[in-house]
């Protein structure tokens, strides 16, 4: 039944409704593929019993003509999403065997639409990382390989398990989260499509928090249409999330295939960073030319405060992380390491439970929020954030419909390749993506070619607030122009 893995989300949905195969058969095929691909370490928990039970329920609904939009379709869930009765750890030792008694808003909504959960996907610990090397469960291996090399590559982070699973066809689609590029960067590294929605478009309720003003749920999928289908089920208003926006969810799939003729696409000069590889520059130029050939107008724009985005982000995000992670103290839930007194227990628990990267960010956050440095660092970073947001508003007010940039400064790098680098060098992976989160805008990463070593490269489109439809329309044009990319099976 391995041929069942070849269908996209849209194709599988159509064939399920036509009863060409059953949801149980489809999910069995994916469960078998998952077992064969355990060397990728994409899943931290497989849930075959739950998957087959829900698939059987989907078959019953399909037989009655009561199929939902995602009926019977097998998905992976990032281990940052709380899943009722199923272990959720944020890939950190400090949560141990925590099993939530409730379901996140997004996964509950997808389940109500008929989606089947295959298991929980690996991610960087508390979503802090750009390579999925900080997970307590170990590194996720990218299903792609450099030409002529067997060296393992990272799948990107923090949603590396989600991107690897979709690329390796051990999930038809996956949930992910994006705080500074953690959907778009891993999608770029694996030849998949990743969407970071407008802040407030998808509820954060039931998703383990990293940085509350930056976190946003979104999908990783095999192509643009699949991402649009998933996005419609993930989006929606939730009164339990004070940042959730009460706004109608459009039919994103209907935007796929829409003409881009007459759209104005901005190319920001500030994204031409020093040391940008020639192949990234060429990819960007080719993308602009292909959109132009499809009828779009390409205009150069300026986002003058872009150069301050990365340092401002790495003040704001750790500050919020320091606050959010204060709740993990060994008292209420998760791991506990005993000590001589309560203070000793706190210190022992947090030292043993958090990994090096999480501890680093907590310490940075605590420092910038401290009495002597709050105004000097955190307040100034928030002022820079306002200026970054204003830059985008100025460009969009001038009639630009979307902005085209590279998604990442390079293709995927090797596992352990950055082990001896400074943290700042790793943080530079987010140089093209963090502005989107700082401004609360939607963004999409779409595969647009291969590097000289045969690895996926991607372009990023940034849109107006709540105008994901334009991104799906424009992203589909890029996808149709450059084609789709899949790794050769080696695992």
Protein backbone atom coordinates (compact mmCIF):
# COMPACT_ATOMS: atom_id res chain seq x y z
CA UNK A 1 0.00 0.00 0.00
CA UNK A 2 3.03 2.29 -0.18
CA UNK A 3 1.53 4.03 -3.22
CA UNK A 4 -0.99 5.58 -0.83
CA UNK A 5 1.86 7.72 0.48
CA UNK A 6 2.20 9.44 -2.90
CA UNK A 7 -1.09 11.32 -2.71
CA UNK A 8 -1.26 14.90 -1.56
CA UNK A 9 -3.78 15.97 1.05
CA UNK A 10 -6.21 17.17 -1.61
CA UNK A 11 -5.83 13.99 -3.67
CA UNK A 12 -6.21 11.66 -0.69
CA UNK A 13 -9.32 13.53 0.46
CA UNK A 14 -10.92 13.14 -2.97
CA UNK A 15 -10.13 9.43 -3.17
CA UNK A 16 -11.36 8.75 0.35
CA UNK A 17 -14.70 10.35 -0.45
CA UNK A 18 -14.85 8.30 -3.67
CA UNK A 19 -14.19 5.19 -1.51
CA UNK A 20 -11.17 4.16 -3.62
CA UNK A 21 -9.56 3.16 -0.33
CA UNK A 22 -10.50 3.47 3.31
CA UNK A 23 -9.19 5.78 6.01
CA UNK A 24 -7.98 2.69 7.90
CA UNK A 25 -5.98 1.55 4.85
CA UNK A 26 -4.49 5.02 4.39
CA UNK A 27 -3.49 5.32 8.02
CA UNK A 28 -2.06 1.79 8.12
CA UNK A 29 0.17 2.75 5.20
CA UNK A 30 1.48 5.77 7.08
CA UNK A 31 1.97 3.81 10.30
CA UNK A 32 4.04 1.27 8.36
CA UNK A 33 6.12 4.03 6.80
CA UNK A 34 6.66 5.60 10.23
CA UNK A 35 8.00 2.31 11.58
CA UNK A 36 10.44 2.01 8.67
CA UNK A 37 11.64 5.61 9.13
CA UNK A 38 12.33 5.64 12.86
CA UNK A 39 15.97 6.44 12.12
CA UNK A 40 14.88 9.99 11.23
CA UNK A 41 13.70 10.48 14.83
CA UNK A 42 10.81 12.63 13.61
CA UNK A 43 8.31 11.19 16.11
CA UNK A 44 8.81 11.20 19.87
CA UNK A 45 5.60 9.23 20.43
CA UNK A 46 3.65 7.09 17.97
CA UNK A 47 -0.06 6.55 18.61
CA UNK A 48 -1.11 3.71 16.25
CA UNK A 49 -4.06 2.56 18.37
CA UNK A 50 -5.54 6.05 18.48
CA UNK A 51 -4.91 6.52 14.75
CA UNK A 52 -6.66 3.31 13.72
CA UNK A 53 -9.59 3.90 16.08
CA UNK A 54 -10.15 7.41 14.71
CA UNK A 55 -9.64 6.20 11.12
CA UNK A 56 -12.42 3.63 11.63
CA UNK A 57 -14.67 6.39 12.97
CA UNK A 58 -13.85 8.43 9.86
CA UNK A 59 -14.79 5.55 7.58
CA UNK A 60 -18.14 5.34 9.35
CA UNK A 61 -18.77 9.06 8.86
CA UNK A 62 -17.73 8.86 5.19
CA UNK A 63 -20.16 5.96 4.67
CA UNK A 64 -22.96 8.10 6.15
CA UNK A 65 -22.05 11.11 3.99
CA UNK A 66 -21.00 13.09 7.07
CA UNK A 67 -17.31 13.58 6.23
CA UNK A 68 -15.52 16.62 7.63
CA UNK A 69 -12.95 18.73 5.71
CA UNK A 70 -10.02 16.61 6.99
CA UNK A 71 -11.88 13.32 7.32
CA UNK A 72 -9.59 10.33 7.77
CA UNK A 73 -6.41 12.19 6.80
CA UNK A 74 -3.28 11.25 8.82
CA UNK A 75 -1.43 14.10 10.56
CA UNK A 76 1.52 14.48 12.89
CA UNK A 77 1.22 16.84 15.88
CA UNK A 78 4.17 18.86 17.16
CA UNK A 79 4.92 17.94 20.77
CA UNK A 80 4.23 21.54 21.80
CA UNK A 81 0.45 20.99 21.36
CA UNK A 82 -1.40 19.59 24.35
CA UNK A 83 -3.27 16.41 23.41
CA UNK A 84 -5.81 15.01 25.82
CA UNK A 85 -4.65 11.74 27.34
CA UNK A 86 -1.48 11.68 25.21
CA UNK A 87 1.94 12.59 26.60
CA UNK A 88 3.05 16.15 25.83
CA UNK A 89 6.57 17.21 26.84
CA UNK A 90 7.66 20.14 24.63
CA UNK A 91 10.63 17.78 24.13
CA UNK A 92 12.01 18.75 27.54
CA UNK A 93 13.00 16.56 30.48
CA UNK A 94 11.31 18.96 32.87
CA UNK A 95 7.83 17.91 31.72
CA UNK A 96 8.69 14.22 32.10
CA UNK A 97 5.61 12.10 31.35
CA UNK A 98 3.14 14.98 31.57
CA UNK A 99 -0.20 13.91 30.10
CA UNK A 100 -2.63 16.81 29.68
CA UNK A 101 -6.29 16.34 30.62
CA UNK A 102 -7.34 18.71 27.82
CA UNK A 103 -6.82 19.31 24.10
CA UNK A 104 -5.36 22.42 22.46
CA UNK A 105 -7.86 24.55 20.55
CA UNK A 106 -6.13 23.92 17.20
CA UNK A 107 -5.87 20.14 17.47
CA UNK A 108 -9.42 19.91 18.86
CA UNK A 109 -10.67 21.87 15.86
CA UNK A 110 -8.76 19.64 13.44
CA UNK A 111 -10.04 16.51 15.15
CA UNK A 112 -13.59 17.83 14.88
CA UNK A 113 -12.94 18.18 11.14
CA UNK A 114 -12.00 14.50 10.98
CA UNK A 115 -8.18 14.56 11.12
CA UNK A 116 -6.39 11.48 12.45
CA UNK A 117 -3.37 11.86 14.77
CA UNK A 118 -0.47 9.54 13.98
CA UNK A 119 1.68 10.68 16.89
CA UNK A 120 3.65 13.50 18.50
CA UNK A 121 6.48 15.10 16.52
CA UNK A 122 9.94 16.06 17.70
CA UNK A 123 10.91 19.72 18.18
CA UNK A 124 13.64 21.80 19.77
CA UNK A 125 13.17 21.95 23.54
CA UNK A 126 10.38 24.46 24.25
CA UNK A 127 10.75 25.45 20.56
CA UNK A 128 14.11 27.10 21.29
CA UNK A 129 16.44 26.33 18.41
CA UNK A 130 16.99 26.49 14.67
CA UNK A 131 18.13 22.92 13.99
CA UNK A 132 16.12 20.52 16.20
CA UNK A 133 19.35 19.60 17.99
CA UNK A 134 18.21 20.82 21.44
CA UNK A 135 15.41 18.26 21.90
CA UNK A 136 15.61 15.97 24.94
CA UNK A 137 14.72 13.15 22.53
CA UNK A 138 17.68 13.76 20.24
CA UNK A 139 18.26 15.25 16.81
CA UNK A 140 15.78 15.00 13.94
CA UNK A 141 17.52 13.85 10.76
CA UNK A 142 16.64 15.54 7.49
CA UNK A 143 15.44 13.05 4.85
CA UNK A 144 17.55 14.94 2.29
CA UNK A 145 21.24 14.27 1.65
CA UNK A 146 23.93 16.32 -0.08
CA UNK A 147 24.90 14.91 -3.48
CA UNK A 148 27.62 12.32 -3.03
CA UNK A 149 27.47 12.40 0.77
CA UNK A 150 25.88 10.29 3.48
CA UNK A 151 26.40 12.92 6.19
CA UNK A 152 23.28 13.55 8.27
CA UNK A 153 21.71 17.00 7.91
CA UNK A 154 19.46 18.92 10.30
CA UNK A 155 15.78 19.30 9.45
CA UNK A 156 15.62 22.87 10.78
CA UNK A 157 14.00 24.07 13.94
CA UNK A 158 12.12 24.23 16.02
CA UNK A 159 9.54 22.29 13.97
CA UNK A 160 12.09 19.85 12.56
CA UNK A 161 10.01 16.78 13.34
CA UNK A 162 7.04 18.28 11.48
CA UNK A 163 9.07 19.19 8.39
CA UNK A 164 10.98 15.90 8.28
CA UNK A 165 7.80 13.84 8.68
CA UNK A 166 6.04 15.60 5.82
CA UNK A 167 9.10 15.47 3.55
CA UNK A 168 9.68 11.77 4.28
CA UNK A 169 6.00 10.96 3.74
CA UNK A 170 5.44 9.63 7.24
CA UNK A 171 2.74 12.27 7.79
CA UNK A 172 0.41 13.72 5.19
CA UNK A 173 0.62 17.07 6.97
CA UNK A 174 1.69 18.40 10.35
CA UNK A 175 1.00 21.07 12.92
CA UNK A 176 3.89 23.37 13.79
CA UNK A 177 4.62 26.64 15.60
CA UNK A 178 6.57 29.72 14.57
CA UNK A 179 8.11 32.20 17.03
CA UNK A 180 10.92 33.57 14.86
CA UNK A 181 10.87 31.32 11.80
CA UNK A 182 10.28 27.86 13.27
CA UNK A 183 7.77 26.87 10.58
CA UNK A 184 9.30 28.57 7.55
CA UNK A 185 12.96 27.68 8.17
CA UNK A 186 12.45 23.90 8.62
CA UNK A 187 10.07 23.89 5.65
CA UNK A 188 12.80 25.55 3.58
CA UNK A 189 15.36 22.96 4.72
CA UNK A 190 13.16 20.00 3.72
CA UNK A 191 11.42 21.10 0.51
CA UNK A 192 8.01 21.45 2.15
CA UNK A 193 5.58 24.38 2.45
CA UNK A 194 5.30 26.18 5.79
CA UNK A 195 2.83 28.90 6.75
CA UNK A 196 3.16 31.32 9.67
CA UNK A 197 -0.29 32.97 9.97
CA UNK A 198 -1.03 36.49 11.17
CA UNK A 199 -0.64 36.79 14.94
CA UNK A 200 -4.07 36.05 16.45
CA UNK A 201 -5.33 34.06 13.46
CA UNK A 202 -4.82 30.69 15.24
CA UNK A 203 -5.44 30.26 18.95
CA UNK A 204 -2.44 29.65 21.20
CA UNK A 205 -4.60 28.00 23.88
CA UNK A 206 -3.19 24.61 24.80
CA UNK A 207 0.15 25.19 23.06
CA UNK A 208 3.18 25.24 25.38
CA UNK A 209 4.36 28.86 25.42
CA UNK A 210 7.79 30.10 24.38
CA UNK A 211 7.29 33.84 23.74
CA UNK A 212 3.62 34.75 23.97
CA UNK A 213 3.64 37.88 21.80
CA UNK A 214 5.49 36.05 19.00
CA UNK A 215 4.25 32.43 19.02
CA UNK A 216 1.82 31.38 16.32
CA UNK A 217 0.47 28.00 15.22
CA UNK A 218 0.57 27.01 11.57
CA UNK A 219 0.82 24.07 9.14
CA UNK A 220 3.63 22.33 7.29
CA UNK A 221 2.42 20.47 4.21
CA UNK A 222 3.57 18.89 0.98
CA UNK A 223 2.33 21.69 -1.27
CA UNK A 224 0.59 25.06 -1.16
CA UNK A 225 -2.92 23.66 -1.63
CA UNK A 226 -2.46 21.20 1.24
CA UNK A 227 -1.20 24.03 3.47
CA UNK A 228 -4.30 26.07 2.59
CA UNK A 229 -6.61 23.17 3.47
CA UNK A 230 -4.90 22.66 6.83
CA UNK A 231 -4.81 26.37 7.58
CA UNK A 232 -8.58 26.69 7.25
CA UNK A 233 -9.11 24.04 9.92
CA UNK A 234 -6.45 25.47 12.24
CA UNK A 235 -7.67 29.08 12.15
CA UNK A 236 -10.51 30.50 14.17
CA UNK A 237 -11.55 32.59 17.14
CA UNK A 238 -11.08 31.24 20.65
CA UNK A 239 -12.43 33.20 23.62
CA UNK A 240 -9.93 31.43 25.91
CA UNK A 241 -7.03 33.16 24.12
CA UNK A 242 -7.04 36.91 24.76
CA UNK A 243 -4.93 37.49 21.62
CA UNK A 244 -7.26 35.49 19.35
CA UNK A 245 -8.97 37.65 16.73
CA UNK A 246 -12.71 37.29 16.14
CA UNK A 247 -12.67 37.38 12.37
CA UNK A 248 -14.24 35.16 9.73
CA UNK A 249 -11.97 32.44 8.37
CA UNK A 250 -11.93 32.55 4.55
CA UNK A 251 -11.69 29.59 2.18
CA UNK A 252 -7.92 29.64 1.72
CA UNK A 253 -7.99 26.78 -0.77
CA UNK A 254 -10.08 28.90 -3.14
CA UNK A 255 -7.16 31.36 -3.38
CA UNK A 256 -4.85 28.68 -4.80
CA UNK A 257 -4.80 29.12 -8.56
CA UNK A 258 -5.99 32.72 -8.39
CA UNK A 259 -4.22 35.06 -10.83
CA UNK A 260 -1.50 37.35 -9.51
CA UNK A 261 -1.82 39.70 -12.46
CA UNK A 262 -1.69 43.29 -11.26
CA UNK A 263 -0.31 42.48 -7.80
CA UNK A 264 2.60 44.61 -6.62
CA UNK A 265 5.37 42.50 -5.08
CA UNK A 266 7.99 44.31 -3.03
CA UNK A 267 11.65 43.32 -2.95
CA UNK A 268 13.31 44.85 0.15
CA UNK A 269 16.86 46.05 -0.46
CA UNK A 270 17.80 45.57 3.21
CA UNK A 271 17.49 41.77 2.84
CA UNK A 272 20.61 41.73 0.65
CA UNK A 273 22.79 40.94 3.64
CA UNK A 274 26.59 40.81 3.61
CA UNK A 275 27.94 37.42 2.64
CA UNK A 276 24.71 36.21 1.04
CA UNK A 277 25.56 33.15 -1.10
CA UNK A 278 25.31 33.73 -4.85
CA UNK A 279 22.81 30.89 -5.23
CA UNK A 280 20.46 32.51 -2.69
CA UNK A 281 20.72 35.82 -4.54
CA UNK A 282 19.99 34.05 -7.84
CA UNK A 283 17.04 32.18 -6.33
CA UNK A 284 15.56 35.47 -5.17
CA UNK A 285 16.04 37.12 -8.59
CA UNK A 286 14.57 34.10 -10.39
CA UNK A 287 11.53 34.17 -8.10
CA UNK A 288 10.92 37.84 -8.84
CA UNK A 289 11.24 37.24 -12.58
CA UNK A 290 8.76 34.38 -12.52
CA UNK A 291 6.20 36.40 -10.61
CA UNK A 292 6.72 39.19 -13.12
CA UNK A 293 6.15 36.73 -15.98
CA UNK A 294 2.86 35.74 -14.28
CA UNK A 295 1.69 39.37 -14.42
CA UNK A 296 2.84 40.78 -11.08
CA UNK A 297 4.68 44.08 -10.83
CA UNK A 298 8.03 43.89 -9.01
CA UNK A 299 9.02 46.99 -7.05
CA UNK A 300 11.99 47.68 -4.79
CA UNK A 301 10.99 48.68 -1.27
CA UNK A 302 12.80 49.73 1.86
CA UNK A 303 12.45 48.29 5.36
CA UNK A 304 15.13 50.39 7.06
CA UNK A 305 14.94 48.88 10.55
CA UNK A 306 15.48 45.30 9.34
CA UNK A 307 19.09 45.30 10.55
CA UNK A 308 17.89 45.72 14.14
CA UNK A 309 15.32 42.90 13.99
CA UNK A 310 17.53 39.98 15.00
CA UNK A 311 19.13 41.61 18.07
CA UNK A 312 15.74 43.02 19.15
CA UNK A 313 14.13 39.60 18.73
CA UNK A 314 16.79 37.95 20.88
CA UNK A 315 15.93 40.36 23.68
CA UNK A 316 12.14 40.18 23.46
CA UNK A 317 11.88 36.40 22.96
CA UNK A 318 14.17 35.36 25.85
CA UNK A 319 12.49 37.90 28.14
CA UNK A 320 9.08 36.37 27.48
CA UNK A 321 10.54 32.86 27.70
CA UNK A 322 12.06 33.64 31.10
CA UNK A 323 8.63 34.70 32.34
CA UNK A 324 6.72 31.80 30.75
CA UNK A 325 9.12 29.11 31.94
CA UNK A 326 9.04 30.30 35.56
CA UNK A 327 6.06 27.97 36.09
CA UNK A 328 8.27 24.88 35.66
CA UNK A 329 9.49 24.59 39.24
CA UNK A 330 8.95 20.96 40.24
CA UNK A 331 5.90 21.76 42.34
CA UNK A 332 2.81 21.58 40.15
CA UNK A 333 3.60 19.12 37.35
CA UNK A 334 6.49 17.50 35.51
CA UNK A 335 9.84 16.44 36.92
CA UNK A 336 10.99 17.13 40.48
CA UNK A 337 14.52 16.84 41.88
CA UNK A 338 14.55 16.93 45.69
CA UNK A 339 16.68 19.29 47.71
CA UNK A 340 17.32 20.40 51.29
CA UNK A 341 14.55 23.00 51.08
CA UNK A 342 12.11 24.51 48.56
CA UNK A 343 14.70 26.84 47.02
CA UNK A 344 17.15 23.97 46.63
CA UNK A 345 14.42 21.88 44.97
CA UNK A 346 13.65 24.69 42.50
CA UNK A 347 17.31 25.02 41.57
CA UNK A 348 17.91 21.27 41.26
CA UNK A 349 14.76 20.69 39.23
CA UNK A 350 15.40 23.49 36.75
CA UNK A 351 19.11 22.65 36.39
CA UNK A 352 18.34 19.00 35.63
CA UNK A 353 15.17 19.59 33.63
CA UNK A 354 16.20 22.33 31.21
CA UNK A 355 18.78 21.85 28.46
CA UNK A 356 21.68 24.27 27.77
CA UNK A 357 19.88 26.39 25.14
CA UNK A 358 16.77 26.84 27.29
CA UNK A 359 18.90 27.76 30.31
CA UNK A 360 20.82 30.26 28.18
CA UNK A 361 17.65 32.00 27.04
CA UNK A 362 16.14 32.04 30.53
CA UNK A 363 19.29 33.69 31.83
CA UNK A 364 19.34 36.27 29.02
CA UNK A 365 15.65 36.99 29.61
CA UNK A 366 16.05 37.35 33.36
CA UNK A 367 18.98 39.71 32.79
CA UNK A 368 17.19 42.06 30.36
CA UNK A 369 14.13 42.18 32.63
CA UNK A 370 16.14 42.94 35.77
CA UNK A 371 15.75 46.33 37.45
CA UNK A 372 19.05 47.75 36.24
CA UNK A 373 18.68 46.74 32.57
CA UNK A 374 14.95 46.72 31.78
CA UNK A 375 14.94 50.21 30.22
CA UNK A 376 18.31 49.78 28.55
CA UNK A 377 17.43 46.54 26.77
CA UNK A 378 13.82 45.34 26.91
CA UNK A 379 12.11 48.73 26.52
CA UNK A 380 14.43 49.72 23.69
CA UNK A 381 13.87 46.39 21.92
CA UNK A 382 10.11 46.95 22.08
CA UNK A 383 10.58 50.41 20.57
CA UNK A 384 12.59 48.86 17.73
CA UNK A 385 9.80 46.33 17.27
CA UNK A 386 7.32 49.18 16.79
CA UNK A 387 9.58 50.72 14.14
CA UNK A 388 9.87 47.38 12.30
CA UNK A 389 6.09 47.07 12.25
CA UNK A 390 5.80 50.66 11.00
CA UNK A 391 8.23 49.92 8.14
CA UNK A 392 5.91 47.18 6.87
CA UNK A 393 2.84 49.37 7.28
CA UNK A 394 4.48 52.10 5.19
CA UNK A 395 5.26 49.64 2.40
CA UNK A 396 1.77 48.11 2.38
CA UNK A 397 0.13 51.55 2.57
CA UNK A 398 2.08 52.45 -0.58
CA UNK A 399 0.18 49.76 -2.49
CA UNK A 400 2.45 46.73 -2.16
CA UNK A 401 0.45 43.49 -1.88
CA UNK A 402 3.20 41.13 -0.70
CA UNK A 403 6.93 41.10 -0.10
CA UNK A 404 9.33 38.55 -1.60
CA UNK A 405 12.52 37.50 0.23
CA UNK A 406 14.71 34.42 0.64
CA UNK A 407 13.49 32.09 3.41
CA UNK A 408 16.92 31.14 4.76
CA UNK A 409 20.52 32.29 4.24
CA UNK A 410 21.61 28.76 3.24
CA UNK A 411 20.48 25.21 2.62
CA UNK A 412 20.38 22.68 5.47
CA UNK A 413 23.65 22.20 7.33
CA UNK A 414 25.10 19.06 8.88
CA UNK A 415 24.15 17.59 12.23
CA UNK A 416 26.75 18.86 14.72
CA UNK A 417 28.23 21.23 12.13
CA UNK A 418 27.40 24.26 14.30
CA UNK A 419 28.35 22.60 17.58
CA UNK A 420 31.46 24.70 18.05
CA UNK A 421 29.95 27.90 16.66
CA UNK A 422 28.78 30.73 18.87
CA UNK A 423 25.04 30.88 19.62
CA UNK A 424 24.86 34.06 17.53
CA UNK A 425 25.94 32.13 14.41
CA UNK A 426 23.06 29.71 14.94
CA UNK A 427 20.65 32.59 15.55
CA UNK A 428 21.58 34.04 12.13
CA UNK A 429 19.51 31.26 10.55
CA UNK A 430 16.48 33.39 11.46
CA UNK A 431 17.76 36.58 9.81
CA UNK A 432 15.05 36.59 7.08
CA UNK A 433 12.16 35.36 9.22
CA UNK A 434 12.14 37.16 12.60
CA UNK A 435 10.79 40.45 11.20
CA UNK A 436 7.51 38.70 10.34
CA UNK A 437 6.97 37.65 13.95
CA UNK A 438 8.07 41.00 15.35
CA UNK A 439 5.44 42.70 13.17
CA UNK A 440 2.75 40.02 13.64
CA UNK A 441 2.43 39.44 9.88
CA UNK A 442 1.70 36.29 7.85
CA UNK A 443 4.49 34.55 5.94
CA UNK A 444 4.88 31.47 3.76
CA UNK A 445 7.97 29.50 2.70
CA UNK A 446 7.70 27.78 -0.70
CA UNK A 447 10.33 25.48 -2.27
CA UNK A 448 11.94 27.19 -5.26
CA UNK A 449 14.89 25.10 -6.35
CA UNK A 450 17.90 23.09 -5.28
CA UNK A 451 21.32 24.21 -4.11
CA UNK A 452 24.57 23.28 -5.86
CA UNK A 453 24.69 20.31 -3.46
CA UNK A 454 21.19 19.17 -4.40
CA UNK A 455 19.42 20.46 -1.27
CA UNK A 456 16.11 22.36 -1.14
CA UNK A 457 16.04 26.16 -1.16
CA UNK A 458 12.94 28.27 -0.58
CA UNK A 459 11.50 31.73 -1.07
CA UNK A 460 9.46 33.58 1.53
CA UNK A 461 6.41 35.73 0.91
CA UNK A 462 5.26 38.21 3.57
CA UNK A 463 1.71 39.54 3.47
CA UNK A 464 -0.58 42.15 4.94
CA UNK A 465 -2.26 41.29 8.25
CA UNK A 466 -4.97 38.63 7.73
CA UNK A 467 -4.28 38.47 3.99
CA UNK A 468 -3.01 34.90 3.86
CA UNK A 469 -5.11 34.42 0.70
CA UNK A 470 -2.71 36.56 -1.33
CA UNK A 471 0.19 34.49 0.00
CA UNK A 472 -1.48 31.24 -1.05
CA UNK A 473 -2.22 32.64 -4.52
CA UNK A 474 1.31 33.98 -4.98
CA UNK A 475 2.93 30.94 -3.39
CA UNK A 476 1.09 28.66 -5.79
CA UNK A 477 2.53 30.61 -8.74
CA UNK A 478 6.06 30.09 -7.38
CA UNK A 479 5.32 26.41 -6.77
CA UNK A 480 3.93 25.88 -10.27
CA UNK A 481 6.91 27.69 -11.78
CA UNK A 482 9.71 25.92 -9.89
CA UNK A 483 8.02 22.56 -9.36
CA UNK A 484 7.87 20.30 -6.29
CA UNK A 485 10.83 18.57 -4.67
CA UNK A 486 11.08 15.26 -2.83
CA UNK A 487 14.12 13.51 -1.33
CA UNK A 488 15.35 10.23 -2.71
CA UNK A 489 14.49 7.50 -0.24
CA UNK A 490 17.54 6.20 1.65
CA UNK A 491 16.22 5.51 5.14
